[in-house]
Amino acid sequence: MTDLRRGTHSNQDSSSDTEQRGSFKNTLKGKSAGINAATPDDWDLLRQKHPAIDIQENVFRPAHYLKEGGVECIDVMVQLYGSERVREWAEITAFKYQWRQGNKEGNSPEQDKMKSIWYTRFSMGDDPRND
């Protein structure tokens, strides 16, 4: 069986590797580094270049995750399970949204992409709610 995780976090910088994977381009350094290597500054620059990635209420502040008093589910998860476990979960959740992008009825491909970005940022310790 092929190990799909092989090379996921490698730091290879070959142009053929970049072309094959279509990986995230580190806009500040001008070289391919993969989406997980993007810094908060990279995300800020990306949001400036592409305003469509700005905050959308149904992605960044969904009411169905908010309880009375303003407590959000993800904050309670951090209290119960710790920030490291929740960041790992967020990274996995980001993958889920990439995987299903545009295939869930009622969710546009753009919405799934935005959710993937939200969870990727959260997994990196960059809480999008602070924008």
N, C-alpha and C. Protein backbone atom coordinates (compact mmCIF):
# COMPACT_ATOMS: atom_id res chain seq x y z
N MET A 1 0.84 -1.19 0.00
CA MET A 1 0.00 0.00 0.00
C MET A 1 0.88 1.24 0.00
N THR A 2 0.52 2.22 -0.77
CA THR A 2 1.29 3.45 -0.86
C THR A 2 1.00 4.33 0.35
N ASP A 3 2.05 4.88 0.93
CA ASP A 3 1.90 5.79 2.06
C ASP A 3 1.65 7.19 1.51
N LEU A 4 0.40 7.69 1.63
CA LEU A 4 0.04 9.00 1.09
C LEU A 4 0.67 10.14 1.86
N ARG A 5 1.16 9.85 3.05
CA ARG A 5 1.77 10.91 3.86
C ARG A 5 3.22 11.15 3.50
N ARG A 6 3.83 10.26 2.75
CA ARG A 6 5.24 10.35 2.42
C ARG A 6 5.54 11.70 1.76
N GLY A 7 6.48 12.43 2.30
CA GLY A 7 6.93 13.67 1.70
C GLY A 7 6.00 14.85 1.93
N THR A 8 4.99 14.70 2.74
CA THR A 8 4.03 15.78 2.95
C THR A 8 4.69 17.03 3.49
N HIS A 9 5.62 16.87 4.39
CA HIS A 9 6.24 18.03 5.02
C HIS A 9 7.70 18.21 4.59
N SER A 10 8.06 17.71 3.42
CA SER A 10 9.45 17.84 2.99
C SER A 10 9.73 19.27 2.57
N ASN A 11 10.98 19.63 2.59
CA ASN A 11 11.40 20.98 2.22
C ASN A 11 12.08 21.00 0.86
N GLN A 12 11.74 20.07 -0.01
CA GLN A 12 12.34 20.04 -1.33
C GLN A 12 11.92 21.28 -2.10
N ASP A 13 12.81 21.80 -2.95
CA ASP A 13 12.52 23.00 -3.71
C ASP A 13 12.90 22.81 -5.17
N SER A 14 12.36 21.78 -5.78
CA SER A 14 12.64 21.56 -7.20
C SER A 14 11.49 22.09 -8.02
N SER A 15 11.78 22.68 -9.16
CA SER A 15 10.73 23.27 -9.98
C SER A 15 9.78 22.20 -10.51
N SER A 16 10.26 21.00 -10.84
CA SER A 16 9.37 19.96 -11.32
C SER A 16 8.43 19.50 -10.22
N ASP A 17 8.91 19.43 -9.00
CA ASP A 17 8.08 19.09 -7.86
C ASP A 17 6.98 20.12 -7.69
N THR A 18 7.32 21.39 -7.83
CA THR A 18 6.36 22.47 -7.70
C THR A 18 5.29 22.38 -8.78
N GLU A 19 5.69 22.12 -10.01
CA GLU A 19 4.75 22.03 -11.11
C GLU A 19 3.80 20.85 -10.92
N GLN A 20 4.32 19.72 -10.46
CA GLN A 20 3.49 18.55 -10.30
C GLN A 20 2.47 18.72 -9.19
N ARG A 21 2.85 19.29 -8.08
CA ARG A 21 1.96 19.41 -6.94
C ARG A 21 1.10 20.67 -7.01
N GLY A 22 1.48 21.66 -7.79
CA GLY A 22 0.73 22.91 -7.84
C GLY A 22 0.67 23.55 -6.47
N SER A 23 1.75 23.51 -5.73
CA SER A 23 1.75 23.93 -4.34
C SER A 23 1.65 25.45 -4.17
N PHE A 24 1.33 25.83 -2.97
CA PHE A 24 1.22 27.24 -2.59
C PHE A 24 2.56 27.92 -2.83
N LYS A 25 2.55 29.07 -3.44
CA LYS A 25 3.80 29.79 -3.70
C LYS A 25 4.01 30.82 -2.60
N ASN A 26 5.12 30.73 -1.94
CA ASN A 26 5.45 31.68 -0.90
C ASN A 26 5.70 33.03 -1.57
N THR A 27 4.74 33.93 -1.44
CA THR A 27 4.79 35.19 -2.18
C THR A 27 5.86 36.13 -1.68
N LEU A 28 6.32 35.97 -0.45
CA LEU A 28 7.34 36.87 0.07
C LEU A 28 8.74 36.47 -0.36
N LYS A 29 8.96 35.18 -0.47
CA LYS A 29 10.30 34.70 -0.80
C LYS A 29 10.42 34.30 -2.27
N GLY A 30 9.28 34.21 -3.00
CA GLY A 30 9.31 33.90 -4.41
C GLY A 30 9.65 32.46 -4.75
N LYS A 31 9.49 31.52 -3.79
CA LYS A 31 9.76 30.13 -4.09
C LYS A 31 8.67 29.26 -3.51
N SER A 32 8.51 28.09 -4.06
CA SER A 32 7.49 27.17 -3.59
C SER A 32 7.89 26.62 -2.23
N ALA A 33 6.94 26.65 -1.29
CA ALA A 33 7.24 26.13 0.04
C ALA A 33 6.11 25.26 0.58
N GLY A 34 4.99 25.18 -0.11
CA GLY A 34 3.86 24.42 0.36
C GLY A 34 2.96 25.26 1.25
N ILE A 35 1.70 24.95 1.27
CA ILE A 35 0.71 25.76 1.99
C ILE A 35 0.99 25.79 3.50
N ASN A 36 1.50 24.71 4.06
CA ASN A 36 1.76 24.67 5.49
C ASN A 36 2.95 25.51 5.91
N ALA A 37 3.77 25.95 4.94
CA ALA A 37 4.92 26.80 5.25
C ALA A 37 4.58 28.28 5.15
N ALA A 38 3.35 28.60 4.74
CA ALA A 38 2.96 30.01 4.62
C ALA A 38 2.94 30.66 5.99
N THR A 39 3.44 31.88 6.06
CA THR A 39 3.47 32.63 7.32
C THR A 39 2.25 33.55 7.39
N PRO A 40 1.94 34.10 8.57
CA PRO A 40 0.86 35.09 8.65
C PRO A 40 1.08 36.25 7.68
N ASP A 41 2.34 36.66 7.47
CA ASP A 41 2.62 37.74 6.51
C ASP A 41 2.24 37.31 5.09
N ASP A 42 2.49 36.03 4.76
CA ASP A 42 2.11 35.52 3.45
C ASP A 42 0.59 35.61 3.26
N TRP A 43 -0.16 35.21 4.31
CA TRP A 43 -1.62 35.27 4.21
C TRP A 43 -2.10 36.71 4.08
N ASP A 44 -1.48 37.64 4.82
CA ASP A 44 -1.86 39.05 4.72
C ASP A 44 -1.64 39.57 3.31
N LEU A 45 -0.50 39.23 2.73
CA LEU A 45 -0.20 39.66 1.37
C LEU A 45 -1.19 39.05 0.38
N LEU A 46 -1.53 37.79 0.57
CA LEU A 46 -2.48 37.13 -0.29
C LEU A 46 -3.86 37.79 -0.20
N ARG A 47 -4.29 38.13 1.02
CA ARG A 47 -5.58 38.80 1.19
C ARG A 47 -5.59 40.17 0.53
N GLN A 48 -4.45 40.87 0.56
CA GLN A 48 -4.37 42.18 -0.10
C GLN A 48 -4.46 42.04 -1.61
N LYS A 49 -3.80 41.02 -2.16
CA LYS A 49 -3.80 40.81 -3.61
C LYS A 49 -5.14 40.27 -4.10
N HIS A 50 -5.82 39.50 -3.25
CA HIS A 50 -7.07 38.84 -3.64
C HIS A 50 -8.13 39.11 -2.58
N PRO A 51 -8.81 40.25 -2.68
CA PRO A 51 -9.79 40.63 -1.65
C PRO A 51 -10.91 39.63 -1.43
N ALA A 52 -11.16 38.74 -2.38
CA ALA A 52 -12.22 37.75 -2.20
C ALA A 52 -11.94 36.83 -1.02
N ILE A 53 -10.69 36.80 -0.56
CA ILE A 53 -10.34 35.95 0.57
C ILE A 53 -10.61 36.67 1.90
N ASP A 54 -11.14 37.86 1.84
CA ASP A 54 -11.47 38.59 3.06
C ASP A 54 -12.57 37.87 3.84
N ILE A 55 -12.81 38.35 5.03
CA ILE A 55 -13.76 37.72 5.94
C ILE A 55 -15.15 37.65 5.32
N GLN A 56 -15.75 36.47 5.37
CA GLN A 56 -17.14 36.26 4.99
C GLN A 56 -17.84 35.69 6.21
N GLU A 57 -18.98 36.25 6.54
CA GLU A 57 -19.66 35.87 7.77
C GLU A 57 -19.97 34.38 7.85
N ASN A 58 -20.39 33.76 6.75
CA ASN A 58 -20.76 32.35 6.81
C ASN A 58 -19.56 31.42 6.90
N VAL A 59 -18.36 31.94 6.71
CA VAL A 59 -17.14 31.13 6.82
C VAL A 59 -16.41 31.47 8.11
N PHE A 60 -16.24 32.73 8.40
CA PHE A 60 -15.39 33.16 9.50
C PHE A 60 -16.13 33.34 10.82
N ARG A 61 -17.42 33.56 10.79
CA ARG A 61 -18.21 33.71 12.03
C ARG A 61 -19.55 33.02 11.88
N PRO A 62 -19.56 31.70 11.64
CA PRO A 62 -20.85 31.02 11.46
C PRO A 62 -21.65 31.01 12.76
N ALA A 63 -22.88 31.49 12.68
CA ALA A 63 -23.73 31.62 13.86
C ALA A 63 -24.01 30.27 14.53
N HIS A 64 -24.01 29.19 13.75
CA HIS A 64 -24.34 27.88 14.32
C HIS A 64 -23.23 27.33 15.23
N TYR A 65 -22.08 28.00 15.30
CA TYR A 65 -21.02 27.60 16.23
C TYR A 65 -20.92 28.54 17.42
N LEU A 66 -21.85 29.47 17.53
CA LEU A 66 -21.82 30.48 18.58
C LEU A 66 -22.95 30.23 19.58
N LYS A 67 -22.63 30.18 20.85
CA LYS A 67 -23.64 30.02 21.90
C LYS A 67 -23.92 31.37 22.54
N GLU A 68 -24.99 31.42 23.31
CA GLU A 68 -25.33 32.66 24.01
C GLU A 68 -24.15 33.12 24.84
N GLY A 69 -23.93 34.41 24.86
CA GLY A 69 -22.80 34.96 25.59
C GLY A 69 -21.57 35.10 24.72
N GLY A 70 -21.64 34.68 23.46
CA GLY A 70 -20.53 34.86 22.53
C GLY A 70 -19.47 33.79 22.58
N VAL A 71 -19.74 32.65 23.22
CA VAL A 71 -18.75 31.58 23.32
C VAL A 71 -18.80 30.75 22.03
N GLU A 72 -17.63 30.57 21.41
CA GLU A 72 -17.56 29.77 20.19
C GLU A 72 -17.07 28.36 20.50
N CYS A 73 -17.55 27.42 19.74
CA CYS A 73 -17.21 26.01 19.91
C CYS A 73 -15.71 25.79 19.93
N ILE A 74 -14.99 26.40 19.01
CA ILE A 74 -13.55 26.15 18.90
C ILE A 74 -12.80 26.63 20.15
N ASP A 75 -13.31 27.67 20.80
CA ASP A 75 -12.67 28.15 22.04
C ASP A 75 -12.88 27.16 23.18
N VAL A 76 -14.04 26.55 23.24
CA VAL A 76 -14.30 25.53 24.26
C VAL A 76 -13.44 24.30 23.97
N MET A 77 -13.29 23.96 22.69
CA MET A 77 -12.43 22.83 22.32
C MET A 77 -11.00 23.06 22.81
N VAL A 78 -10.50 24.28 22.65
CA VAL A 78 -9.14 24.60 23.11
C VAL A 78 -9.06 24.44 24.62
N GLN A 79 -10.09 24.89 25.35
CA GLN A 79 -10.09 24.75 26.81
C GLN A 79 -10.11 23.28 27.23
N LEU A 80 -10.87 22.47 26.51
CA LEU A 80 -11.01 21.06 26.89
C LEU A 80 -9.85 20.19 26.45
N TYR A 81 -9.34 20.43 25.23
CA TYR A 81 -8.35 19.53 24.64
C TYR A 81 -6.96 20.13 24.50
N GLY A 82 -6.84 21.44 24.66
CA GLY A 82 -5.54 22.10 24.53
C GLY A 82 -5.33 22.62 23.12
N SER A 83 -4.56 23.68 23.00
CA SER A 83 -4.39 24.34 21.71
C SER A 83 -3.65 23.47 20.69
N GLU A 84 -2.69 22.67 21.14
CA GLU A 84 -1.94 21.84 20.18
C GLU A 84 -2.84 20.83 19.49
N ARG A 85 -3.68 20.14 20.26
CA ARG A 85 -4.58 19.14 19.66
C ARG A 85 -5.59 19.79 18.73
N VAL A 86 -6.08 20.96 19.12
CA VAL A 86 -7.08 21.64 18.28
C VAL A 86 -6.43 22.15 17.00
N ARG A 87 -5.18 22.61 17.07
CA ARG A 87 -4.48 23.03 15.84
C ARG A 87 -4.26 21.84 14.91
N GLU A 88 -3.93 20.67 15.47
CA GLU A 88 -3.78 19.47 14.65
C GLU A 88 -5.12 19.10 14.00
N TRP A 89 -6.19 19.16 14.77
CA TRP A 89 -7.53 18.89 14.24
C TRP A 89 -7.86 19.89 13.13
N ALA A 90 -7.51 21.14 13.32
CA ALA A 90 -7.79 22.17 12.31
C ALA A 90 -7.06 21.87 11.00
N GLU A 91 -5.83 21.37 11.10
CA GLU A 91 -5.08 21.02 9.89
C GLU A 91 -5.77 19.88 9.14
N ILE A 92 -6.26 18.91 9.87
CA ILE A 92 -6.98 17.79 9.26
C ILE A 92 -8.30 18.27 8.67
N THR A 93 -8.99 19.15 9.36
CA THR A 93 -10.25 19.70 8.87
C THR A 93 -10.03 20.51 7.60
N ALA A 94 -8.92 21.25 7.53
CA ALA A 94 -8.60 21.99 6.31
C ALA A 94 -8.47 21.04 5.13
N PHE A 95 -7.82 19.90 5.35
CA PHE A 95 -7.69 18.90 4.30
C PHE A 95 -9.06 18.40 3.85
N LYS A 96 -9.95 18.17 4.81
CA LYS A 96 -11.30 17.69 4.49
C LYS A 96 -11.99 18.65 3.53
N TYR A 97 -11.90 19.94 3.80
CA TYR A 97 -12.55 20.92 2.93
C TYR A 97 -11.89 20.97 1.56
N GLN A 98 -10.59 20.78 1.48
CA GLN A 98 -9.92 20.71 0.19
C GLN A 98 -10.40 19.48 -0.59
N TRP A 99 -10.52 18.39 0.11
CA TRP A 99 -10.89 17.12 -0.52
C TRP A 99 -12.30 17.19 -1.11
N ARG A 100 -13.24 17.75 -0.37
CA ARG A 100 -14.63 17.74 -0.81
C ARG A 100 -15.01 18.97 -1.60
N GLN A 101 -14.07 19.86 -1.85
CA GLN A 101 -14.34 21.16 -2.46
C GLN A 101 -15.31 21.07 -3.63
N GLY A 102 -16.47 21.72 -3.44
CA GLY A 102 -17.48 21.78 -4.48
C GLY A 102 -18.35 20.55 -4.62
N ASN A 103 -18.19 19.56 -3.73
CA ASN A 103 -18.95 18.31 -3.85
C ASN A 103 -20.06 18.15 -2.83
N LYS A 104 -20.19 19.07 -1.88
CA LYS A 104 -21.26 18.98 -0.90
C LYS A 104 -22.39 19.90 -1.33
N GLU A 105 -23.57 19.35 -1.43
CA GLU A 105 -24.72 20.14 -1.84
C GLU A 105 -24.93 21.31 -0.89
N GLY A 106 -25.11 22.48 -1.46
CA GLY A 106 -25.34 23.68 -0.66
C GLY A 106 -24.07 24.45 -0.35
N ASN A 107 -22.91 23.88 -0.61
CA ASN A 107 -21.64 24.57 -0.39
C ASN A 107 -20.95 24.78 -1.73
N SER A 108 -20.63 26.02 -2.02
CA SER A 108 -19.93 26.31 -3.26
C SER A 108 -18.46 25.92 -3.12
N PRO A 109 -17.78 25.70 -4.25
CA PRO A 109 -16.34 25.42 -4.17
C PRO A 109 -15.59 26.55 -3.47
N GLU A 110 -16.03 27.79 -3.70
CA GLU A 110 -15.38 28.94 -3.07
C GLU A 110 -15.53 28.90 -1.56
N GLN A 111 -16.73 28.52 -1.08
CA GLN A 111 -16.95 28.45 0.36
C GLN A 111 -16.07 27.37 0.99
N ASP A 112 -15.99 26.21 0.35
CA ASP A 112 -15.13 25.15 0.88
C ASP A 112 -13.67 25.60 0.88
N LYS A 113 -13.25 26.31 -0.16
CA LYS A 113 -11.87 26.81 -0.21
C LYS A 113 -11.63 27.81 0.92
N MET A 114 -12.59 28.69 1.16
CA MET A 114 -12.44 29.67 2.25
C MET A 114 -12.36 28.96 3.61
N LYS A 115 -13.16 27.94 3.79
CA LYS A 115 -13.11 27.19 5.05
C LYS A 115 -11.76 26.50 5.21
N SER A 116 -11.25 25.95 4.12
CA SER A 116 -9.93 25.32 4.16
C SER A 116 -8.87 26.33 4.56
N ILE A 117 -8.94 27.52 4.01
CA ILE A 117 -7.99 28.58 4.35
C ILE A 117 -8.13 28.94 5.83
N TRP A 118 -9.38 29.08 6.29
CA TRP A 118 -9.62 29.44 7.70
C TRP A 118 -8.95 28.42 8.61
N TYR A 119 -9.23 27.14 8.38
CA TYR A 119 -8.68 26.10 9.25
C TYR A 119 -7.18 25.96 9.11
N THR A 120 -6.65 26.17 7.91
CA THR A 120 -5.20 26.13 7.74
C THR A 120 -4.56 27.23 8.56
N ARG A 121 -5.10 28.43 8.49
CA ARG A 121 -4.54 29.54 9.26
C ARG A 121 -4.62 29.25 10.76
N PHE A 122 -5.77 28.74 11.21
CA PHE A 122 -5.93 28.43 12.63
C PHE A 122 -4.91 27.38 13.05
N SER A 123 -4.66 26.40 12.19
CA SER A 123 -3.72 25.32 12.52
C SER A 123 -2.29 25.86 12.66
N MET A 124 -2.02 27.02 12.07
CA MET A 124 -0.71 27.64 12.13
C MET A 124 -0.60 28.62 13.30
N GLY A 125 -1.65 28.73 14.10
CA GLY A 125 -1.64 29.65 15.23
C GLY A 125 -2.07 31.07 14.84
N ASP A 126 -2.59 31.24 13.63
CA ASP A 126 -3.06 32.53 13.14
C ASP A 126 -4.59 32.48 13.13
N ASP A 127 -5.21 33.00 14.17
CA ASP A 127 -6.66 32.94 14.31
C ASP A 127 -7.31 33.98 13.38
N PRO A 128 -8.02 33.53 12.33
CA PRO A 128 -8.63 34.45 11.38
C PRO A 128 -9.68 35.36 12.00
N ARG A 129 -10.18 35.00 13.15
CA ARG A 129 -11.18 35.85 13.82
C ARG A 129 -10.56 37.15 14.31
N ASN A 130 -9.25 37.21 14.35
CA ASN A 130 -8.57 38.43 14.80
C ASN A 130 -8.33 39.44 13.69
N ASP A 131 -8.73 39.10 12.46
CA ASP A 131 -8.53 40.03 11.33
C ASP A 131 -9.38 41.28 11.47
